[in-house]
Amino acid sequence: MPVIPALIINSSMEQENKTKPICYKPIGIFYTAYTPETGAPRQGILKPEVKGEIEIYPEYRDALKSLDLFEYIILIYHLDRSVRWNSIERPPASNPDNSFGLFATRSPNRPNPVGIATIRLEKIENGILHVSGVDAYDGTPVLDLKPYLPGIDGIKSSKNELLEKELGIQFPAPYIRRD
């Protein structure tokens, strides 16, 4: 019998967690040449020459220790200019006869507008990360940074590679290494 009250408590907590807002505080801000008027590349990795800067706020700068040892980092940021989302999407450059569920695309318009990108870290100077391969608008809030680890983050999947073509993603041959 003690199991039933526990289930009720867990069910109640689960329901509360579904409606409870999640709040994040930015750790920095992105500076790029992109604006809503100019647009941004569909994926920054497709434009590796495009540079930007990320200012990390002073209270987080100690956390940058040793990040400069890495050539690539994973950036998590808030897509603060995203205004609406659709359940079904047709990614740009994909076959117009195909449509995909939102969660099967990289669309920036999402129920929780969080962007994730793997970008090249050129250098760090006084809390400013000089990066390339960017796709965020100027002034985009940065939520987190992590090192890119090929053994963990670079999962090889022939199935996913075939789907990249369906989504209309064409990688520049010299930039993306396919081992």
C-alpha atoms as a PDB file:
ATOM      1  CA  MET A   1       0.000   0.000   0.000  1.00  0.00           C
ATOM      2  CA  PRO A   2       2.767   2.573   0.599  1.00  0.00           C
ATOM      3  CA  VAL A   3       3.501   2.442  -3.145  1.00  0.00           C
ATOM      4  CA  ILE A   4       0.253   4.200  -4.078  1.00  0.00           C
ATOM      5  CA  PRO A   5       0.940   7.465  -2.182  1.00  0.00           C
ATOM      6  CA  ALA A   6       4.457   7.525  -3.654  1.00  0.00           C
ATOM      7  CA  LEU A   7       2.990   7.216  -7.143  1.00  0.00           C
ATOM      8  CA  ILE A   8       0.600  10.051  -6.430  1.00  0.00           C
ATOM      9  CA  ILE A   9       3.431  12.250  -5.179  1.00  0.00           C
ATOM     10  CA  ASN A  10       5.602  11.386  -8.175  1.00  0.00           C
ATOM     11  CA  SER A  11       2.703  11.999 -10.558  1.00  0.00           C
ATOM     12  CA  SER A  12       2.038  15.357  -8.911  1.00  0.00           C
ATOM     13  CA  MET A  13       5.718  16.318  -9.150  1.00  0.00           C
ATOM     14  CA  GLU A  14       5.842  15.210 -12.783  1.00  0.00           C
ATOM     15  CA  GLN A  15       2.816  17.388 -13.615  1.00  0.00           C
ATOM     16  CA  GLU A  16       4.403  20.355 -11.819  1.00  0.00           C
ATOM     17  CA  ASN A  17       7.655  19.889 -13.764  1.00  0.00           C
ATOM     18  CA  LYS A  18       5.748  19.942 -17.078  1.00  0.00           C
ATOM     19  CA  THR A  19       4.413  23.439 -16.412  1.00  0.00           C
ATOM     20  CA  LYS A  20       7.222  24.916 -14.324  1.00  0.00           C
ATOM     21  CA  PRO A  21       9.226  27.484 -16.318  1.00  0.00           C
ATOM     22  CA  ILE A  22      12.940  26.910 -16.804  1.00  0.00           C
ATOM     23  CA  CYS A  23      15.117  30.000 -16.474  1.00  0.00           C
ATOM     24  CA  TYR A  24      18.710  30.387 -17.665  1.00  0.00           C
ATOM     25  CA  LYS A  25      21.073  33.285 -17.196  1.00  0.00           C
ATOM     26  CA  PRO A  26      23.342  34.104 -20.170  1.00  0.00           C
ATOM     27  CA  ILE A  27      27.075  33.676 -19.581  1.00  0.00           C
ATOM     28  CA  GLY A  28      27.948  35.972 -22.466  1.00  0.00           C
ATOM     29  CA  ILE A  29      26.930  37.557 -25.731  1.00  0.00           C
ATOM     30  CA  PHE A  30      27.686  36.842 -29.383  1.00  0.00           C
ATOM     31  CA  TYR A  31      29.034  39.550 -31.714  1.00  0.00           C
ATOM     32  CA  THR A  32      28.680  38.834 -35.431  1.00  0.00           C
ATOM     33  CA  ALA A  33      27.952  40.663 -38.673  1.00  0.00           C
ATOM     34  CA  TYR A  34      24.557  38.931 -38.906  1.00  0.00           C
ATOM     35  CA  THR A  35      21.245  40.652 -38.239  1.00  0.00           C
ATOM     36  CA  PRO A  36      17.657  39.661 -39.010  1.00  0.00           C
ATOM     37  CA  GLU A  37      17.952  41.961 -42.041  1.00  0.00           C
ATOM     38  CA  THR A  38      21.130  40.316 -43.419  1.00  0.00           C
ATOM     39  CA  GLY A  39      20.171  36.799 -42.373  1.00  0.00           C
ATOM     40  CA  ALA A  40      22.573  34.142 -41.136  1.00  0.00           C
ATOM     41  CA  PRO A  41      23.800  30.913 -42.702  1.00  0.00           C
ATOM     42  CA  ARG A  42      21.639  27.902 -42.213  1.00  0.00           C
ATOM     43  CA  GLN A  43      24.488  26.210 -40.307  1.00  0.00           C
ATOM     44  CA  GLY A  44      27.705  27.999 -39.377  1.00  0.00           C
ATOM     45  CA  ILE A  45      29.821  24.952 -40.157  1.00  0.00           C
ATOM     46  CA  LEU A  46      28.817  25.406 -43.814  1.00  0.00           C
ATOM     47  CA  LYS A  47      30.520  28.841 -43.733  1.00  0.00           C
ATOM     48  CA  PRO A  48      33.783  28.128 -41.867  1.00  0.00           C
ATOM     49  CA  GLU A  49      35.362  31.440 -42.933  1.00  0.00           C
ATOM     50  CA  VAL A  50      32.757  33.588 -41.135  1.00  0.00           C
ATOM     51  CA  LYS A  51      34.174  35.052 -37.930  1.00  0.00           C
ATOM     52  CA  GLY A  52      32.620  36.353 -34.760  1.00  0.00           C
ATOM     53  CA  GLU A  53      33.368  37.044 -31.122  1.00  0.00           C
ATOM     54  CA  ILE A  54      31.810  35.857 -27.909  1.00  0.00           C
ATOM     55  CA  GLU A  55      32.191  38.047 -24.856  1.00  0.00           C
ATOM     56  CA  ILE A  56      32.064  35.984 -21.678  1.00  0.00           C
ATOM     57  CA  TYR A  57      30.813  38.030 -18.742  1.00  0.00           C
ATOM     58  CA  PRO A  58      33.421  38.690 -16.006  1.00  0.00           C
ATOM     59  CA  GLU A  59      31.856  36.418 -13.377  1.00  0.00           C
ATOM     60  CA  TYR A  60      32.312  33.415 -15.722  1.00  0.00           C
ATOM     61  CA  ARG A  61      35.789  34.109 -17.095  1.00  0.00           C
ATOM     62  CA  ASP A  62      37.631  31.835 -14.655  1.00  0.00           C
ATOM     63  CA  ALA A  63      35.632  28.958 -16.159  1.00  0.00           C
ATOM     64  CA  LEU A  64      37.484  29.535 -19.470  1.00  0.00           C
ATOM     65  CA  LYS A  65      40.663  28.023 -18.004  1.00  0.00           C
ATOM     66  CA  SER A  66      42.093  25.443 -20.453  1.00  0.00           C
ATOM     67  CA  LEU A  67      39.343  25.976 -23.054  1.00  0.00           C
ATOM     68  CA  ASP A  68      42.023  27.424 -25.354  1.00  0.00           C
ATOM     69  CA  LEU A  69      43.535  23.927 -25.585  1.00  0.00           C
ATOM     70  CA  PHE A  70      40.636  22.947 -27.850  1.00  0.00           C
ATOM     71  CA  GLU A  71      40.318  23.801 -31.543  1.00  0.00           C
ATOM     72  CA  TYR A  72      36.523  23.313 -31.624  1.00  0.00           C
ATOM     73  CA  ILE A  73      33.869  24.055 -29.038  1.00  0.00           C
ATOM     74  CA  ILE A  74      30.156  23.453 -28.741  1.00  0.00           C
ATOM     75  CA  LEU A  75      28.163  26.605 -28.234  1.00  0.00           C
ATOM     76  CA  ILE A  76      24.687  26.630 -26.702  1.00  0.00           C
ATOM     77  CA  TYR A  77      22.758  29.839 -27.187  1.00  0.00           C
ATOM     78  CA  HIS A  78      19.291  31.338 -26.941  1.00  0.00           C
ATOM     79  CA  LEU A  79      17.593  32.016 -30.284  1.00  0.00           C
ATOM     80  CA  ASP A  80      16.071  35.193 -28.888  1.00  0.00           C
ATOM     81  CA  ARG A  81      14.650  36.366 -32.215  1.00  0.00           C
ATOM     82  CA  SER A  82      12.674  33.203 -32.871  1.00  0.00           C
ATOM     83  CA  VAL A  83       9.004  34.175 -32.938  1.00  0.00           C
ATOM     84  CA  ARG A  84       6.978  31.101 -33.853  1.00  0.00           C
ATOM     85  CA  TRP A  85       7.354  27.459 -34.713  1.00  0.00           C
ATOM     86  CA  ASN A  86       5.566  24.971 -36.949  1.00  0.00           C
ATOM     87  CA  SER A  87       5.172  21.244 -36.357  1.00  0.00           C
ATOM     88  CA  ILE A  88       6.059  20.501 -39.995  1.00  0.00           C
ATOM     89  CA  GLU A  89       9.014  22.124 -41.787  1.00  0.00           C
ATOM     90  CA  ARG A  90      10.523  22.145 -45.270  1.00  0.00           C
ATOM     91  CA  PRO A  91      14.219  22.911 -44.749  1.00  0.00           C
ATOM     92  CA  PRO A  92      15.799  25.282 -47.265  1.00  0.00           C
ATOM     93  CA  ALA A  93      17.630  23.469 -50.085  1.00  0.00           C
ATOM     94  CA  SER A  94      15.842  20.195 -49.311  1.00  0.00           C
ATOM     95  CA  ASN A  95      13.687  18.391 -51.830  1.00  0.00           C
ATOM     96  CA  PRO A  96      10.476  20.507 -51.973  1.00  0.00           C
ATOM     97  CA  ASP A  97       8.407  17.313 -52.085  1.00  0.00           C
ATOM     98  CA  ASN A  98       9.681  16.335 -48.631  1.00  0.00           C
ATOM     99  CA  SER A  99       8.524  17.730 -45.330  1.00  0.00           C
ATOM    100  CA  PHE A 100       9.838  16.866 -41.903  1.00  0.00           C
ATOM    101  CA  GLY A 101       8.595  17.123 -38.349  1.00  0.00           C
ATOM    102  CA  LEU A 102      10.226  20.081 -36.618  1.00  0.00           C
ATOM    103  CA  PHE A 103      12.285  17.818 -34.361  1.00  0.00           C
ATOM    104  CA  ALA A 104      13.780  16.150 -37.455  1.00  0.00           C
ATOM    105  CA  THR A 105      15.172  19.511 -38.660  1.00  0.00           C
ATOM    106  CA  ARG A 106      17.675  22.135 -37.548  1.00  0.00           C
ATOM    107  CA  SER A 107      15.144  24.987 -37.833  1.00  0.00           C
ATOM    108  CA  PRO A 108      15.824  27.869 -35.424  1.00  0.00           C
ATOM    109  CA  ASN A 109      12.082  28.282 -34.815  1.00  0.00           C
ATOM    110  CA  ARG A 110      11.365  25.864 -31.984  1.00  0.00           C
ATOM    111  CA  PRO A 111       9.113  25.589 -28.901  1.00  0.00           C
ATOM    112  CA  ASN A 112      12.255  26.157 -26.794  1.00  0.00           C
ATOM    113  CA  PRO A 113      14.493  28.274 -29.034  1.00  0.00           C
ATOM    114  CA  VAL A 114      17.902  26.904 -28.105  1.00  0.00           C
ATOM    115  CA  GLY A 115      20.702  26.858 -30.672  1.00  0.00           C
ATOM    116  CA  ILE A 116      23.607  24.423 -30.618  1.00  0.00           C
ATOM    117  CA  ALA A 117      26.626  24.840 -32.871  1.00  0.00           C
ATOM    118  CA  THR A 118      30.098  23.388 -33.170  1.00  0.00           C
ATOM    119  CA  ILE A 119      32.427  26.281 -33.954  1.00  0.00           C
ATOM    120  CA  ARG A 120      36.157  26.803 -34.301  1.00  0.00           C
ATOM    121  CA  LEU A 121      37.887  28.538 -31.419  1.00  0.00           C
ATOM    122  CA  GLU A 122      40.656  30.731 -32.869  1.00  0.00           C
ATOM    123  CA  LYS A 123      41.868  32.274 -29.601  1.00  0.00           C
ATOM    124  CA  ILE A 124      40.777  33.726 -26.252  1.00  0.00           C
ATOM    125  CA  GLU A 125      41.812  37.240 -25.196  1.00  0.00           C
ATOM    126  CA  ASN A 126      40.578  38.898 -21.996  1.00  0.00           C
ATOM    127  CA  GLY A 127      37.346  36.926 -21.870  1.00  0.00           C
ATOM    128  CA  ILE A 128      36.657  37.349 -25.602  1.00  0.00           C
ATOM    129  CA  LEU A 129      36.487  34.169 -27.674  1.00  0.00           C
ATOM    130  CA  HIS A 130      37.467  34.701 -31.309  1.00  0.00           C
ATOM    131  CA  VAL A 131      35.562  32.082 -33.272  1.00  0.00           C
ATOM    132  CA  SER A 132      34.705  31.064 -36.835  1.00  0.00           C
ATOM    133  CA  GLY A 133      31.976  29.066 -38.510  1.00  0.00           C
ATOM    134  CA  VAL A 134      29.251  31.085 -36.801  1.00  0.00           C
ATOM    135  CA  ASP A 135      25.537  31.288 -37.553  1.00  0.00           C
ATOM    136  CA  ALA A 136      24.093  33.472 -34.776  1.00  0.00           C
ATOM    137  CA  TYR A 137      22.822  37.034 -34.960  1.00  0.00           C
ATOM    138  CA  ASP A 138      24.710  39.885 -33.370  1.00  0.00           C
ATOM    139  CA  GLY A 139      23.662  40.211 -29.725  1.00  0.00           C
ATOM    140  CA  THR A 140      22.572  36.583 -29.310  1.00  0.00           C
ATOM    141  CA  PRO A 141      22.739  35.486 -25.637  1.00  0.00           C
ATOM    142  CA  VAL A 142      25.193  32.641 -24.968  1.00  0.00           C
ATOM    143  CA  LEU A 143      24.023  30.033 -22.438  1.00  0.00           C
ATOM    144  CA  ASP A 144      26.943  27.591 -22.250  1.00  0.00           C
ATOM    145  CA  LEU A 145      30.171  26.354 -23.854  1.00  0.00           C
ATOM    146  CA  LYS A 146      31.630  22.874 -23.933  1.00  0.00           C
ATOM    147  CA  PRO A 147      34.702  21.420 -25.612  1.00  0.00           C
ATOM    148  CA  TYR A 148      34.070  19.415 -28.763  1.00  0.00           C
ATOM    149  CA  LEU A 149      35.425  15.898 -28.195  1.00  0.00           C
ATOM    150  CA  PRO A 150      35.559  13.871 -31.440  1.00  0.00           C
ATOM    151  CA  GLY A 151      35.412  10.514 -29.665  1.00  0.00           C
ATOM    152  CA  ILE A 152      32.156  11.505 -27.960  1.00  0.00           C
ATOM    153  CA  ASP A 153      30.592  14.139 -30.213  1.00  0.00           C
ATOM    154  CA  GLY A 154      31.645  12.820 -33.637  1.00  0.00           C
ATOM    155  CA  ILE A 155      29.425   9.786 -33.961  1.00  0.00           C
ATOM    156  CA  LYS A 156      29.672   8.168 -37.399  1.00  0.00           C
ATOM    157  CA  SER A 157      26.274   7.195 -38.817  1.00  0.00           C
ATOM    158  CA  SER A 158      25.699   6.283 -42.446  1.00  0.00           C
ATOM    159  CA  LYS A 159      21.931   6.551 -41.877  1.00  0.00           C
ATOM    160  CA  ASN A 160      22.247  10.146 -40.629  1.00  0.00           C
ATOM    161  CA  GLU A 161      24.634  11.001 -43.472  1.00  0.00           C
ATOM    162  CA  LEU A 162      22.036   9.872 -46.022  1.00  0.00           C
ATOM    163  CA  LEU A 163      19.399  11.994 -44.302  1.00  0.00           C
ATOM    164  CA  GLU A 164      21.677  15.052 -44.491  1.00  0.00           C
ATOM    165  CA  LYS A 165      21.236  14.912 -48.254  1.00  0.00           C
ATOM    166  CA  GLU A 166      17.440  14.729 -47.879  1.00  0.00           C
ATOM    167  CA  LEU A 167      17.611  17.796 -45.641  1.00  0.00           C
ATOM    168  CA  GLY A 168      19.592  19.595 -48.372  1.00  0.00           C
ATOM    169  CA  ILE A 169      22.874  19.854 -46.482  1.00  0.00           C
ATOM    170  CA  GLN A 170      25.966  19.853 -48.703  1.00  0.00           C
ATOM    171  CA  PHE A 171      29.300  20.050 -46.897  1.00  0.00           C
ATOM    172  CA  PRO A 172      32.319  21.740 -48.440  1.00  0.00           C
ATOM    173  CA  ALA A 173      34.598  18.762 -49.142  1.00  0.00           C
ATOM    174  CA  PRO A 174      37.875  20.187 -47.755  1.00  0.00           C
ATOM    175  CA  TYR A 175      36.266  21.325 -44.516  1.00  0.00           C
ATOM    176  CA  ILE A 176      34.452  18.239 -43.285  1.00  0.00           C
ATOM    177  CA  ARG A 177      36.564  15.152 -42.767  1.00  0.00           C
ATOM    178  CA  ARG A 178      34.694  11.897 -43.257  1.00  0.00           C
ATOM    179  CA  ASP A 179      36.933   9.124 -41.934  1.00  0.00           C
END
